Amino acid sequence: MSSSIPIIDSHIHLFDSSSAPSHNWYTPSSPLSAQHSLPEYLSSTTSAPQPPGFILIEADRKNGSSKDWTNPLEEISFARSIVTGEQGNLCLAIIPWAPLNLGSEKLQEYLTQAESQAGPETWAKIKGFRYLLQDKPNCHGLTDSFIDSLKLLGRKKYVFDVGIDQHRRGRIQLEELVDIIDRSHEDVEEDDKVVFILNHLCKPDLSIRNQTVDPAFIAWRTAMFTLSKCHRTYMKLSGLFEEMPESLSSRSPEEIVSAILPWLAVVVAAFGPNRIMFGSNWPVCTLAVPEEEKENAWKKWHRVVELVCDLAGLGEEDQAMLWSGTAKKAYNI
């Protein structure tokens, strides 16, 4: 990668250790319960040509089935402290949680409270919202309330960050996502159609060995080409360490790329560099690498993506899109 190409890390999570118990993933013994704020993130990115700009993604705060907004609103306050801090200029966009399942009226009520909590400077950096579907019951995102919320986001020019999990939940999550996009865009003017930004390649099972006949891989591949037909969908090249067997994530970047090339090739072919963006999923990416590599997990993923660019034969213009241009376009930065 040319050192002149800026980097935007499109997917990171930041939080103080004191707030760890307010997250759904929290256990006292979890390595994520430690401090993971801006100084720790910047320390992990020392191989970058320059400190990367980043997009701050919500970290799954507890919300009482969307009825208690205390923790999500506190997360917005935390984001505000980052934006107004000494290196707040590195935070280019923020994607908080929002109660999309409650319908457009309650969503608007939440947005009003969130804007007040954020303040003008931080609110200007809020470019969309995320509501994880990966752990929700089947059809959760296909209710009229959810679709109405997505249409409201589109009218307000906010994106929707999509978190689903084919690896653990099966092809139904992929099929439902296709339906969610179709329904949320139905009878909507082009400029008001919500943009979908897909996280982590939709979490495929990277332990599959014979991709040519495996039903899960075939379903995932089919979904990638189907999803990419909608030009308002983007893909994050992120989150794959966590989907690999430990025997793979502990290997060199070159060996990792060789092993997961079938998935990488599909995504590059389906979306192209103009709709793919680099994301580290820090600090979650540190969980799936050996103990001695945890401090270097960001650097290792960065190298994997460099190798993807080389193998795909991407020129400097295409690489500039993958490393930062796509994120700027998708998030309207």
Protein backbone atom coordinates (compact mmCIF):
# COMPACT_ATOMS: atom_id res chain seq x y z
CA MET A 1 0.00 0.00 0.00
CA SER A 2 1.26 3.44 -0.86
CA SER A 3 2.10 5.41 2.28
CA SER A 4 0.30 8.38 0.71
CA ILE A 5 -3.09 6.63 0.89
CA PRO A 6 -4.94 7.68 4.06
CA ILE A 7 -6.66 5.06 6.18
CA ILE A 8 -10.15 5.18 7.61
CA ASP A 9 -10.80 2.31 9.97
CA SER A 10 -14.52 1.85 9.36
CA HIS A 11 -15.27 -0.34 12.37
CA ILE A 12 -13.92 0.13 15.90
CA HIS A 13 -15.42 0.02 19.38
CA LEU A 14 -14.23 2.17 22.27
CA PHE A 15 -15.26 2.08 25.92
CA ASP A 16 -13.90 2.61 29.42
CA SER A 17 -13.38 -0.36 31.71
CA SER A 18 -15.83 1.26 34.14
CA SER A 19 -18.61 0.93 31.54
CA ALA A 20 -17.86 -2.70 30.60
CA PRO A 21 -20.63 -4.16 32.86
CA SER A 22 -23.22 -2.16 30.89
CA HIS A 23 -22.60 -4.25 27.75
CA ASN A 24 -24.49 -7.40 26.78
CA TRP A 25 -21.25 -9.32 26.18
CA TYR A 26 -19.79 -8.54 29.61
CA THR A 27 -18.35 -11.17 31.92
CA PRO A 28 -15.86 -10.28 34.68
CA SER A 29 -13.24 -12.54 33.10
CA SER A 30 -13.61 -11.25 29.53
CA PRO A 31 -10.48 -9.60 28.09
CA LEU A 32 -12.80 -6.97 26.63
CA SER A 33 -13.60 -5.81 30.15
CA ALA A 34 -10.28 -3.98 30.28
CA GLN A 35 -9.80 -0.39 29.16
CA HIS A 36 -10.31 0.00 25.42
CA SER A 37 -10.42 3.70 24.79
CA LEU A 38 -8.70 5.99 22.29
CA PRO A 39 -5.12 5.79 23.66
CA GLU A 40 -5.22 1.98 23.59
CA TYR A 41 -6.56 1.99 20.04
CA LEU A 42 -3.92 4.38 18.76
CA SER A 43 -1.22 2.29 20.43
CA SER A 44 -2.42 -0.72 18.42
CA THR A 45 -2.21 1.08 15.07
CA THR A 46 1.45 2.07 15.08
CA SER A 47 2.10 0.32 11.76
CA ALA A 48 -0.24 2.70 9.93
CA PRO A 49 1.44 5.37 7.78
CA GLN A 50 -0.35 7.95 9.92
CA PRO A 51 -2.88 7.77 12.78
CA PRO A 52 -5.99 6.48 11.03
CA GLY A 53 -9.27 8.25 11.09
CA PHE A 54 -11.97 5.94 12.39
CA ILE A 55 -15.68 5.29 12.57
CA LEU A 56 -16.93 4.55 16.07
CA ILE A 57 -19.52 1.77 16.16
CA GLU A 58 -21.85 1.07 19.07
CA ALA A 59 -20.65 -1.75 21.33
CA ASP A 60 -23.91 -3.54 22.25
CA ARG A 61 -24.93 -1.75 25.44
CA LYS A 62 -27.76 -3.27 27.45
CA ASN A 63 -31.10 -1.68 26.59
CA GLY A 64 -33.85 -3.74 28.20
CA SER A 65 -35.24 -5.03 24.89
CA SER A 66 -35.10 -1.43 23.58
CA LYS A 67 -37.21 -0.11 26.47
CA ASP A 68 -34.35 1.30 28.59
CA TRP A 69 -32.23 3.86 26.75
CA THR A 70 -29.98 4.74 29.69
CA ASN A 71 -26.91 2.82 28.59
CA PRO A 72 -27.11 3.64 24.85
CA LEU A 73 -27.50 7.35 25.65
CA GLU A 74 -24.54 7.12 28.02
CA GLU A 75 -22.54 5.63 25.16
CA ILE A 76 -23.35 8.72 23.11
CA SER A 77 -22.05 10.85 25.99
CA PHE A 78 -18.84 8.81 25.93
CA ALA A 79 -18.55 9.39 22.17
CA ARG A 80 -18.98 13.10 22.87
CA SER A 81 -16.01 13.01 25.24
CA ILE A 82 -13.90 11.50 22.47
CA VAL A 83 -15.02 14.01 19.82
CA THR A 84 -14.32 16.98 22.11
CA GLY A 85 -11.03 15.53 23.35
CA GLU A 86 -7.48 16.27 22.24
CA GLN A 87 -7.56 13.88 19.25
CA GLY A 88 -11.25 14.06 18.54
CA ASN A 89 -10.56 14.99 14.92
CA LEU A 90 -9.65 11.33 14.29
CA CYS A 91 -13.26 10.32 14.97
CA LEU A 92 -14.80 10.89 11.56
CA ALA A 93 -18.21 9.32 12.14
CA ILE A 94 -20.25 7.69 14.90
CA ILE A 95 -22.80 4.89 14.56
CA PRO A 96 -24.77 4.56 17.82
CA TRP A 97 -27.47 2.05 18.70
CA ALA A 98 -31.10 2.92 18.01
CA PRO A 99 -34.41 1.12 18.82
CA LEU A 100 -35.41 0.33 15.26
CA ASN A 101 -37.67 -2.49 16.42
CA LEU A 102 -40.05 -0.03 18.09
CA GLY A 103 -41.16 1.73 14.92
CA SER A 104 -40.62 5.18 13.47
CA GLU A 105 -42.50 7.15 16.14
CA LYS A 106 -40.44 5.78 19.05
CA LEU A 107 -37.29 5.97 16.94
CA GLN A 108 -37.89 9.67 16.40
CA GLU A 109 -38.36 10.10 20.15
CA TYR A 110 -35.02 8.37 20.71
CA LEU A 111 -33.28 10.50 18.06
CA THR A 112 -34.47 13.66 19.81
CA GLN A 113 -33.00 12.48 23.12
CA ALA A 114 -29.81 11.30 21.43
CA GLU A 115 -29.29 14.66 19.73
CA SER A 116 -29.65 16.44 23.06
CA GLN A 117 -27.18 14.03 24.69
CA ALA A 118 -24.64 14.43 21.87
CA GLY A 119 -24.54 18.19 21.47
CA PRO A 120 -24.09 19.89 18.08
CA GLU A 121 -20.43 18.96 17.42
CA THR A 122 -20.89 15.26 18.15
CA TRP A 123 -24.35 15.02 16.55
CA ALA A 124 -22.86 16.28 13.29
CA LYS A 125 -20.65 13.16 13.25
CA ILE A 126 -23.52 10.72 13.78
CA LYS A 127 -24.03 9.32 10.29
CA GLY A 128 -26.26 6.36 10.99
CA PHE A 129 -27.29 3.72 13.50
CA ARG A 130 -26.87 0.05 14.26
CA TYR A 131 -29.24 -2.49 15.77
CA LEU A 132 -27.78 -6.00 15.85
CA LEU A 133 -29.91 -8.64 14.16
CA GLN A 134 -27.42 -11.47 14.63
CA ASP A 135 -28.84 -12.53 18.00
CA LYS A 136 -32.51 -11.75 17.37
CA PRO A 137 -35.30 -14.23 16.51
CA ASN A 138 -36.01 -15.03 12.89
CA CYS A 139 -38.10 -12.38 11.11
CA HIS A 140 -37.25 -9.76 13.76
CA GLY A 141 -36.10 -7.29 11.10
CA LEU A 142 -39.08 -7.93 8.84
CA THR A 143 -41.78 -6.50 11.08
CA ASP A 144 -43.66 -3.44 9.85
CA SER A 145 -42.20 -1.45 12.75
CA PHE A 146 -38.62 -2.29 11.80
CA ILE A 147 -39.17 -1.54 8.11
CA ASP A 148 -40.84 1.79 8.98
CA SER A 149 -37.81 2.68 11.11
CA LEU A 150 -35.45 1.92 8.23
CA LYS A 151 -37.51 4.13 5.94
CA LEU A 152 -37.26 6.94 8.50
CA LEU A 153 -33.46 6.56 8.57
CA GLY A 154 -33.44 6.81 4.79
CA ARG A 155 -35.52 9.98 4.77
CA LYS A 156 -33.13 11.50 7.29
CA LYS A 157 -30.09 10.38 5.22
CA TYR A 158 -28.76 8.07 7.93
CA VAL A 159 -27.18 4.71 7.10
CA PHE A 160 -27.96 1.38 8.74
CA ASP A 161 -25.01 -0.76 9.85
CA VAL A 162 -26.01 -4.41 9.50
CA GLY A 163 -24.80 -7.09 11.90
CA ILE A 164 -25.95 -10.61 10.98
CA ASP A 165 -24.30 -14.01 11.51
CA GLN A 166 -24.55 -16.75 8.91
CA HIS A 167 -21.91 -18.84 10.70
CA ARG A 168 -24.06 -19.41 13.81
CA ARG A 169 -27.58 -18.65 12.60
CA GLY A 170 -27.60 -20.11 9.12
CA ARG A 171 -28.69 -18.96 5.69
CA ILE A 172 -32.01 -17.59 6.95
CA GLN A 173 -30.24 -14.46 8.17
CA LEU A 174 -28.92 -13.85 4.67
CA GLU A 175 -32.30 -14.48 3.07
CA GLU A 176 -34.06 -12.19 5.52
CA LEU A 177 -31.51 -9.43 4.90
CA VAL A 178 -32.32 -9.53 1.19
CA ASP A 179 -36.01 -9.18 2.06
CA ILE A 180 -35.30 -6.36 4.55
CA ILE A 181 -33.49 -4.34 1.89
CA ASP A 182 -36.23 -4.95 -0.68
CA ARG A 183 -39.03 -3.96 1.70
CA SER A 184 -37.27 -0.90 3.09
CA HIS A 185 -36.70 0.41 -0.46
CA GLU A 186 -40.18 -0.45 -1.75
CA ASP A 187 -42.15 2.62 -2.92
CA VAL A 188 -39.36 4.94 -1.74
CA GLU A 189 -37.77 7.69 -3.84
CA GLU A 190 -34.19 6.84 -4.80
CA ASP A 191 -32.59 9.58 -2.67
CA ASP A 192 -34.60 8.47 0.38
CA LYS A 193 -33.63 4.79 0.23
CA VAL A 194 -31.60 3.86 3.31
CA VAL A 195 -27.97 2.83 2.74
CA PHE A 196 -26.99 -0.57 4.16
CA ILE A 197 -23.42 -1.13 5.37
CA LEU A 198 -22.79 -4.83 5.94
CA ASN A 199 -20.44 -5.78 8.77
CA HIS A 200 -17.83 -8.55 8.68
CA LEU A 201 -18.85 -10.21 5.36
CA CYS A 202 -22.06 -11.21 7.22
CA LYS A 203 -19.93 -13.60 9.33
CA PRO A 204 -19.44 -16.65 7.08
CA ASP A 205 -18.06 -19.95 8.37
CA LEU A 206 -14.37 -19.80 7.46
CA SER A 207 -13.70 -23.37 8.56
CA ILE A 208 -15.34 -24.80 5.41
CA ARG A 209 -12.76 -26.66 3.34
CA ASN A 210 -14.57 -27.78 0.19
CA GLN A 211 -16.31 -24.60 -0.91
CA THR A 212 -17.37 -25.94 -4.29
CA VAL A 213 -19.99 -28.26 -2.78
CA ASP A 214 -20.62 -26.95 0.72
CA PRO A 215 -24.25 -25.68 1.03
CA ALA A 216 -23.35 -22.97 3.55
CA PHE A 217 -20.66 -21.49 1.31
CA ILE A 218 -22.89 -21.66 -1.75
CA ALA A 219 -25.70 -19.91 0.14
CA TRP A 220 -23.32 -17.21 1.34
CA ARG A 221 -21.83 -16.70 -2.13
CA THR A 222 -25.28 -16.44 -3.71
CA ALA A 223 -26.33 -13.90 -1.08
CA MET A 224 -23.25 -11.75 -1.66
CA PHE A 225 -24.03 -11.36 -5.36
CA THR A 226 -27.71 -10.79 -4.62
CA LEU A 227 -26.99 -8.15 -1.96
CA SER A 228 -24.46 -6.41 -4.18
CA LYS A 229 -27.08 -5.85 -6.91
CA CYS A 230 -28.45 -3.04 -4.76
CA HIS A 231 -26.02 -0.16 -5.30
CA ARG A 232 -26.92 1.26 -1.87
CA THR A 233 -25.24 -1.64 -0.09
CA TYR A 234 -21.59 -1.62 1.03
CA MET A 235 -19.36 -4.26 2.61
CA LYS A 236 -16.81 -4.00 5.40
CA LEU A 237 -13.68 -6.10 5.01
CA SER A 238 -13.57 -6.73 8.73
CA GLY A 239 -14.28 -9.13 11.57
CA LEU A 240 -12.88 -12.29 10.00
CA PHE A 241 -10.38 -13.30 12.70
CA GLU A 242 -13.35 -14.13 14.91
CA GLU A 243 -14.88 -16.44 12.31
CA MET A 244 -11.69 -18.46 11.75
CA PRO A 245 -10.72 -21.62 13.61
CA GLU A 246 -7.92 -20.85 16.05
CA SER A 247 -5.57 -23.01 14.00
CA LEU A 248 -5.94 -20.49 11.17
CA SER A 249 -6.05 -17.14 12.99
CA SER A 250 -2.71 -17.97 14.64
CA ARG A 251 -0.96 -18.35 11.27
CA SER A 252 0.82 -15.71 9.17
CA PRO A 253 -1.13 -13.14 7.14
CA GLU A 254 0.04 -14.83 3.95
CA GLU A 255 -1.28 -18.21 5.08
CA ILE A 256 -4.54 -16.67 6.26
CA VAL A 257 -5.18 -14.99 2.91
CA SER A 258 -4.45 -18.24 1.09
CA ALA A 259 -6.95 -20.11 3.27
CA ILE A 260 -9.81 -17.60 3.01
CA LEU A 261 -9.23 -16.55 -0.60
CA PRO A 262 -12.54 -18.09 -1.81
CA TRP A 263 -14.50 -15.68 0.43
CA LEU A 264 -12.30 -12.70 -0.35
CA ALA A 265 -12.55 -13.33 -4.09
CA VAL A 266 -16.35 -13.44 -3.94
CA VAL A 267 -16.60 -10.14 -2.07
CA VAL A 268 -14.18 -8.34 -4.38
CA ALA A 269 -16.00 -9.69 -7.44
CA ALA A 270 -19.46 -8.87 -6.08
CA PHE A 271 -18.94 -5.43 -4.58
CA GLY A 272 -15.71 -4.15 -6.16
CA PRO A 273 -13.32 -1.75 -4.40
CA ASN A 274 -15.80 1.14 -4.70
CA ARG A 275 -18.13 -0.59 -2.23
CA ILE A 276 -15.64 -2.37 0.05
CA MET A 277 -14.02 -0.67 3.03
CA PHE A 278 -11.29 -1.58 5.49
CA GLY A 279 -12.36 -2.19 9.08
CA SER A 280 -10.42 -3.71 11.97
CA ASN A 281 -13.21 -4.55 14.44
CA TRP A 282 -10.81 -3.50 17.20
CA PRO A 283 -10.68 -4.58 20.03
CA VAL A 284 -12.79 -7.66 19.19
CA CYS A 285 -10.10 -8.68 16.68
CA THR A 286 -7.70 -9.21 19.58
CA LEU A 287 -9.80 -12.06 21.00
CA ALA A 288 -9.19 -14.54 18.20
CA VAL A 289 -5.41 -14.34 17.89
CA PRO A 290 -2.83 -16.01 20.17
CA GLU A 291 -1.96 -14.25 23.42
CA GLU A 292 1.44 -13.17 22.15
CA GLU A 293 -0.18 -11.48 19.11
CA LYS A 294 -2.99 -9.57 20.82
CA GLU A 295 -1.13 -6.27 20.82
CA ASN A 296 -0.48 -6.71 17.10
CA ALA A 297 -3.94 -7.88 16.00
CA TRP A 298 -4.72 -4.60 14.21
CA LYS A 299 -1.39 -4.71 12.38
CA LYS A 300 -1.98 -8.32 11.38
CA TRP A 301 -5.40 -7.58 9.89
CA HIS A 302 -3.99 -4.51 8.18
CA ARG A 303 -1.41 -6.76 6.52
CA VAL A 304 -4.09 -9.26 5.47
CA VAL A 305 -5.97 -6.48 3.68
CA GLU A 306 -2.76 -5.26 2.03
CA LEU A 307 -2.27 -8.76 0.62
CA VAL A 308 -5.88 -8.81 -0.61
CA CYS A 309 -5.20 -5.60 -2.54
CA ASP A 310 -2.08 -7.12 -4.08
CA LEU A 311 -3.78 -10.38 -5.06
CA ALA A 312 -6.74 -8.53 -6.55
CA GLY A 313 -4.35 -6.42 -8.62
CA LEU A 314 -5.86 -3.19 -7.34
CA GLY A 315 -4.24 -0.02 -8.62
CA GLU A 316 -3.65 3.02 -6.44
CA GLU A 317 -7.04 4.55 -7.21
CA ASP A 318 -8.92 1.37 -6.25
CA GLN A 319 -6.78 0.92 -3.15
CA ALA A 320 -7.54 4.48 -2.13
CA MET A 321 -11.24 3.61 -2.27
CA LEU A 322 -10.85 0.44 -0.20
CA TRP A 323 -8.68 2.08 2.49
CA SER A 324 -10.69 5.28 2.88
CA GLY A 325 -12.68 6.44 -0.15
CA THR A 326 -15.50 3.94 0.19
CA ALA A 327 -16.01 4.82 3.85
CA LYS A 328 -16.14 8.53 2.98
CA LYS A 329 -18.74 7.87 0.30
CA ALA A 330 -20.89 5.41 2.25
CA TYR A 331 -20.95 7.44 5.47
CA ASN A 332 -21.07 10.82 3.72
CA ILE A 333 -17.97 12.05 5.55
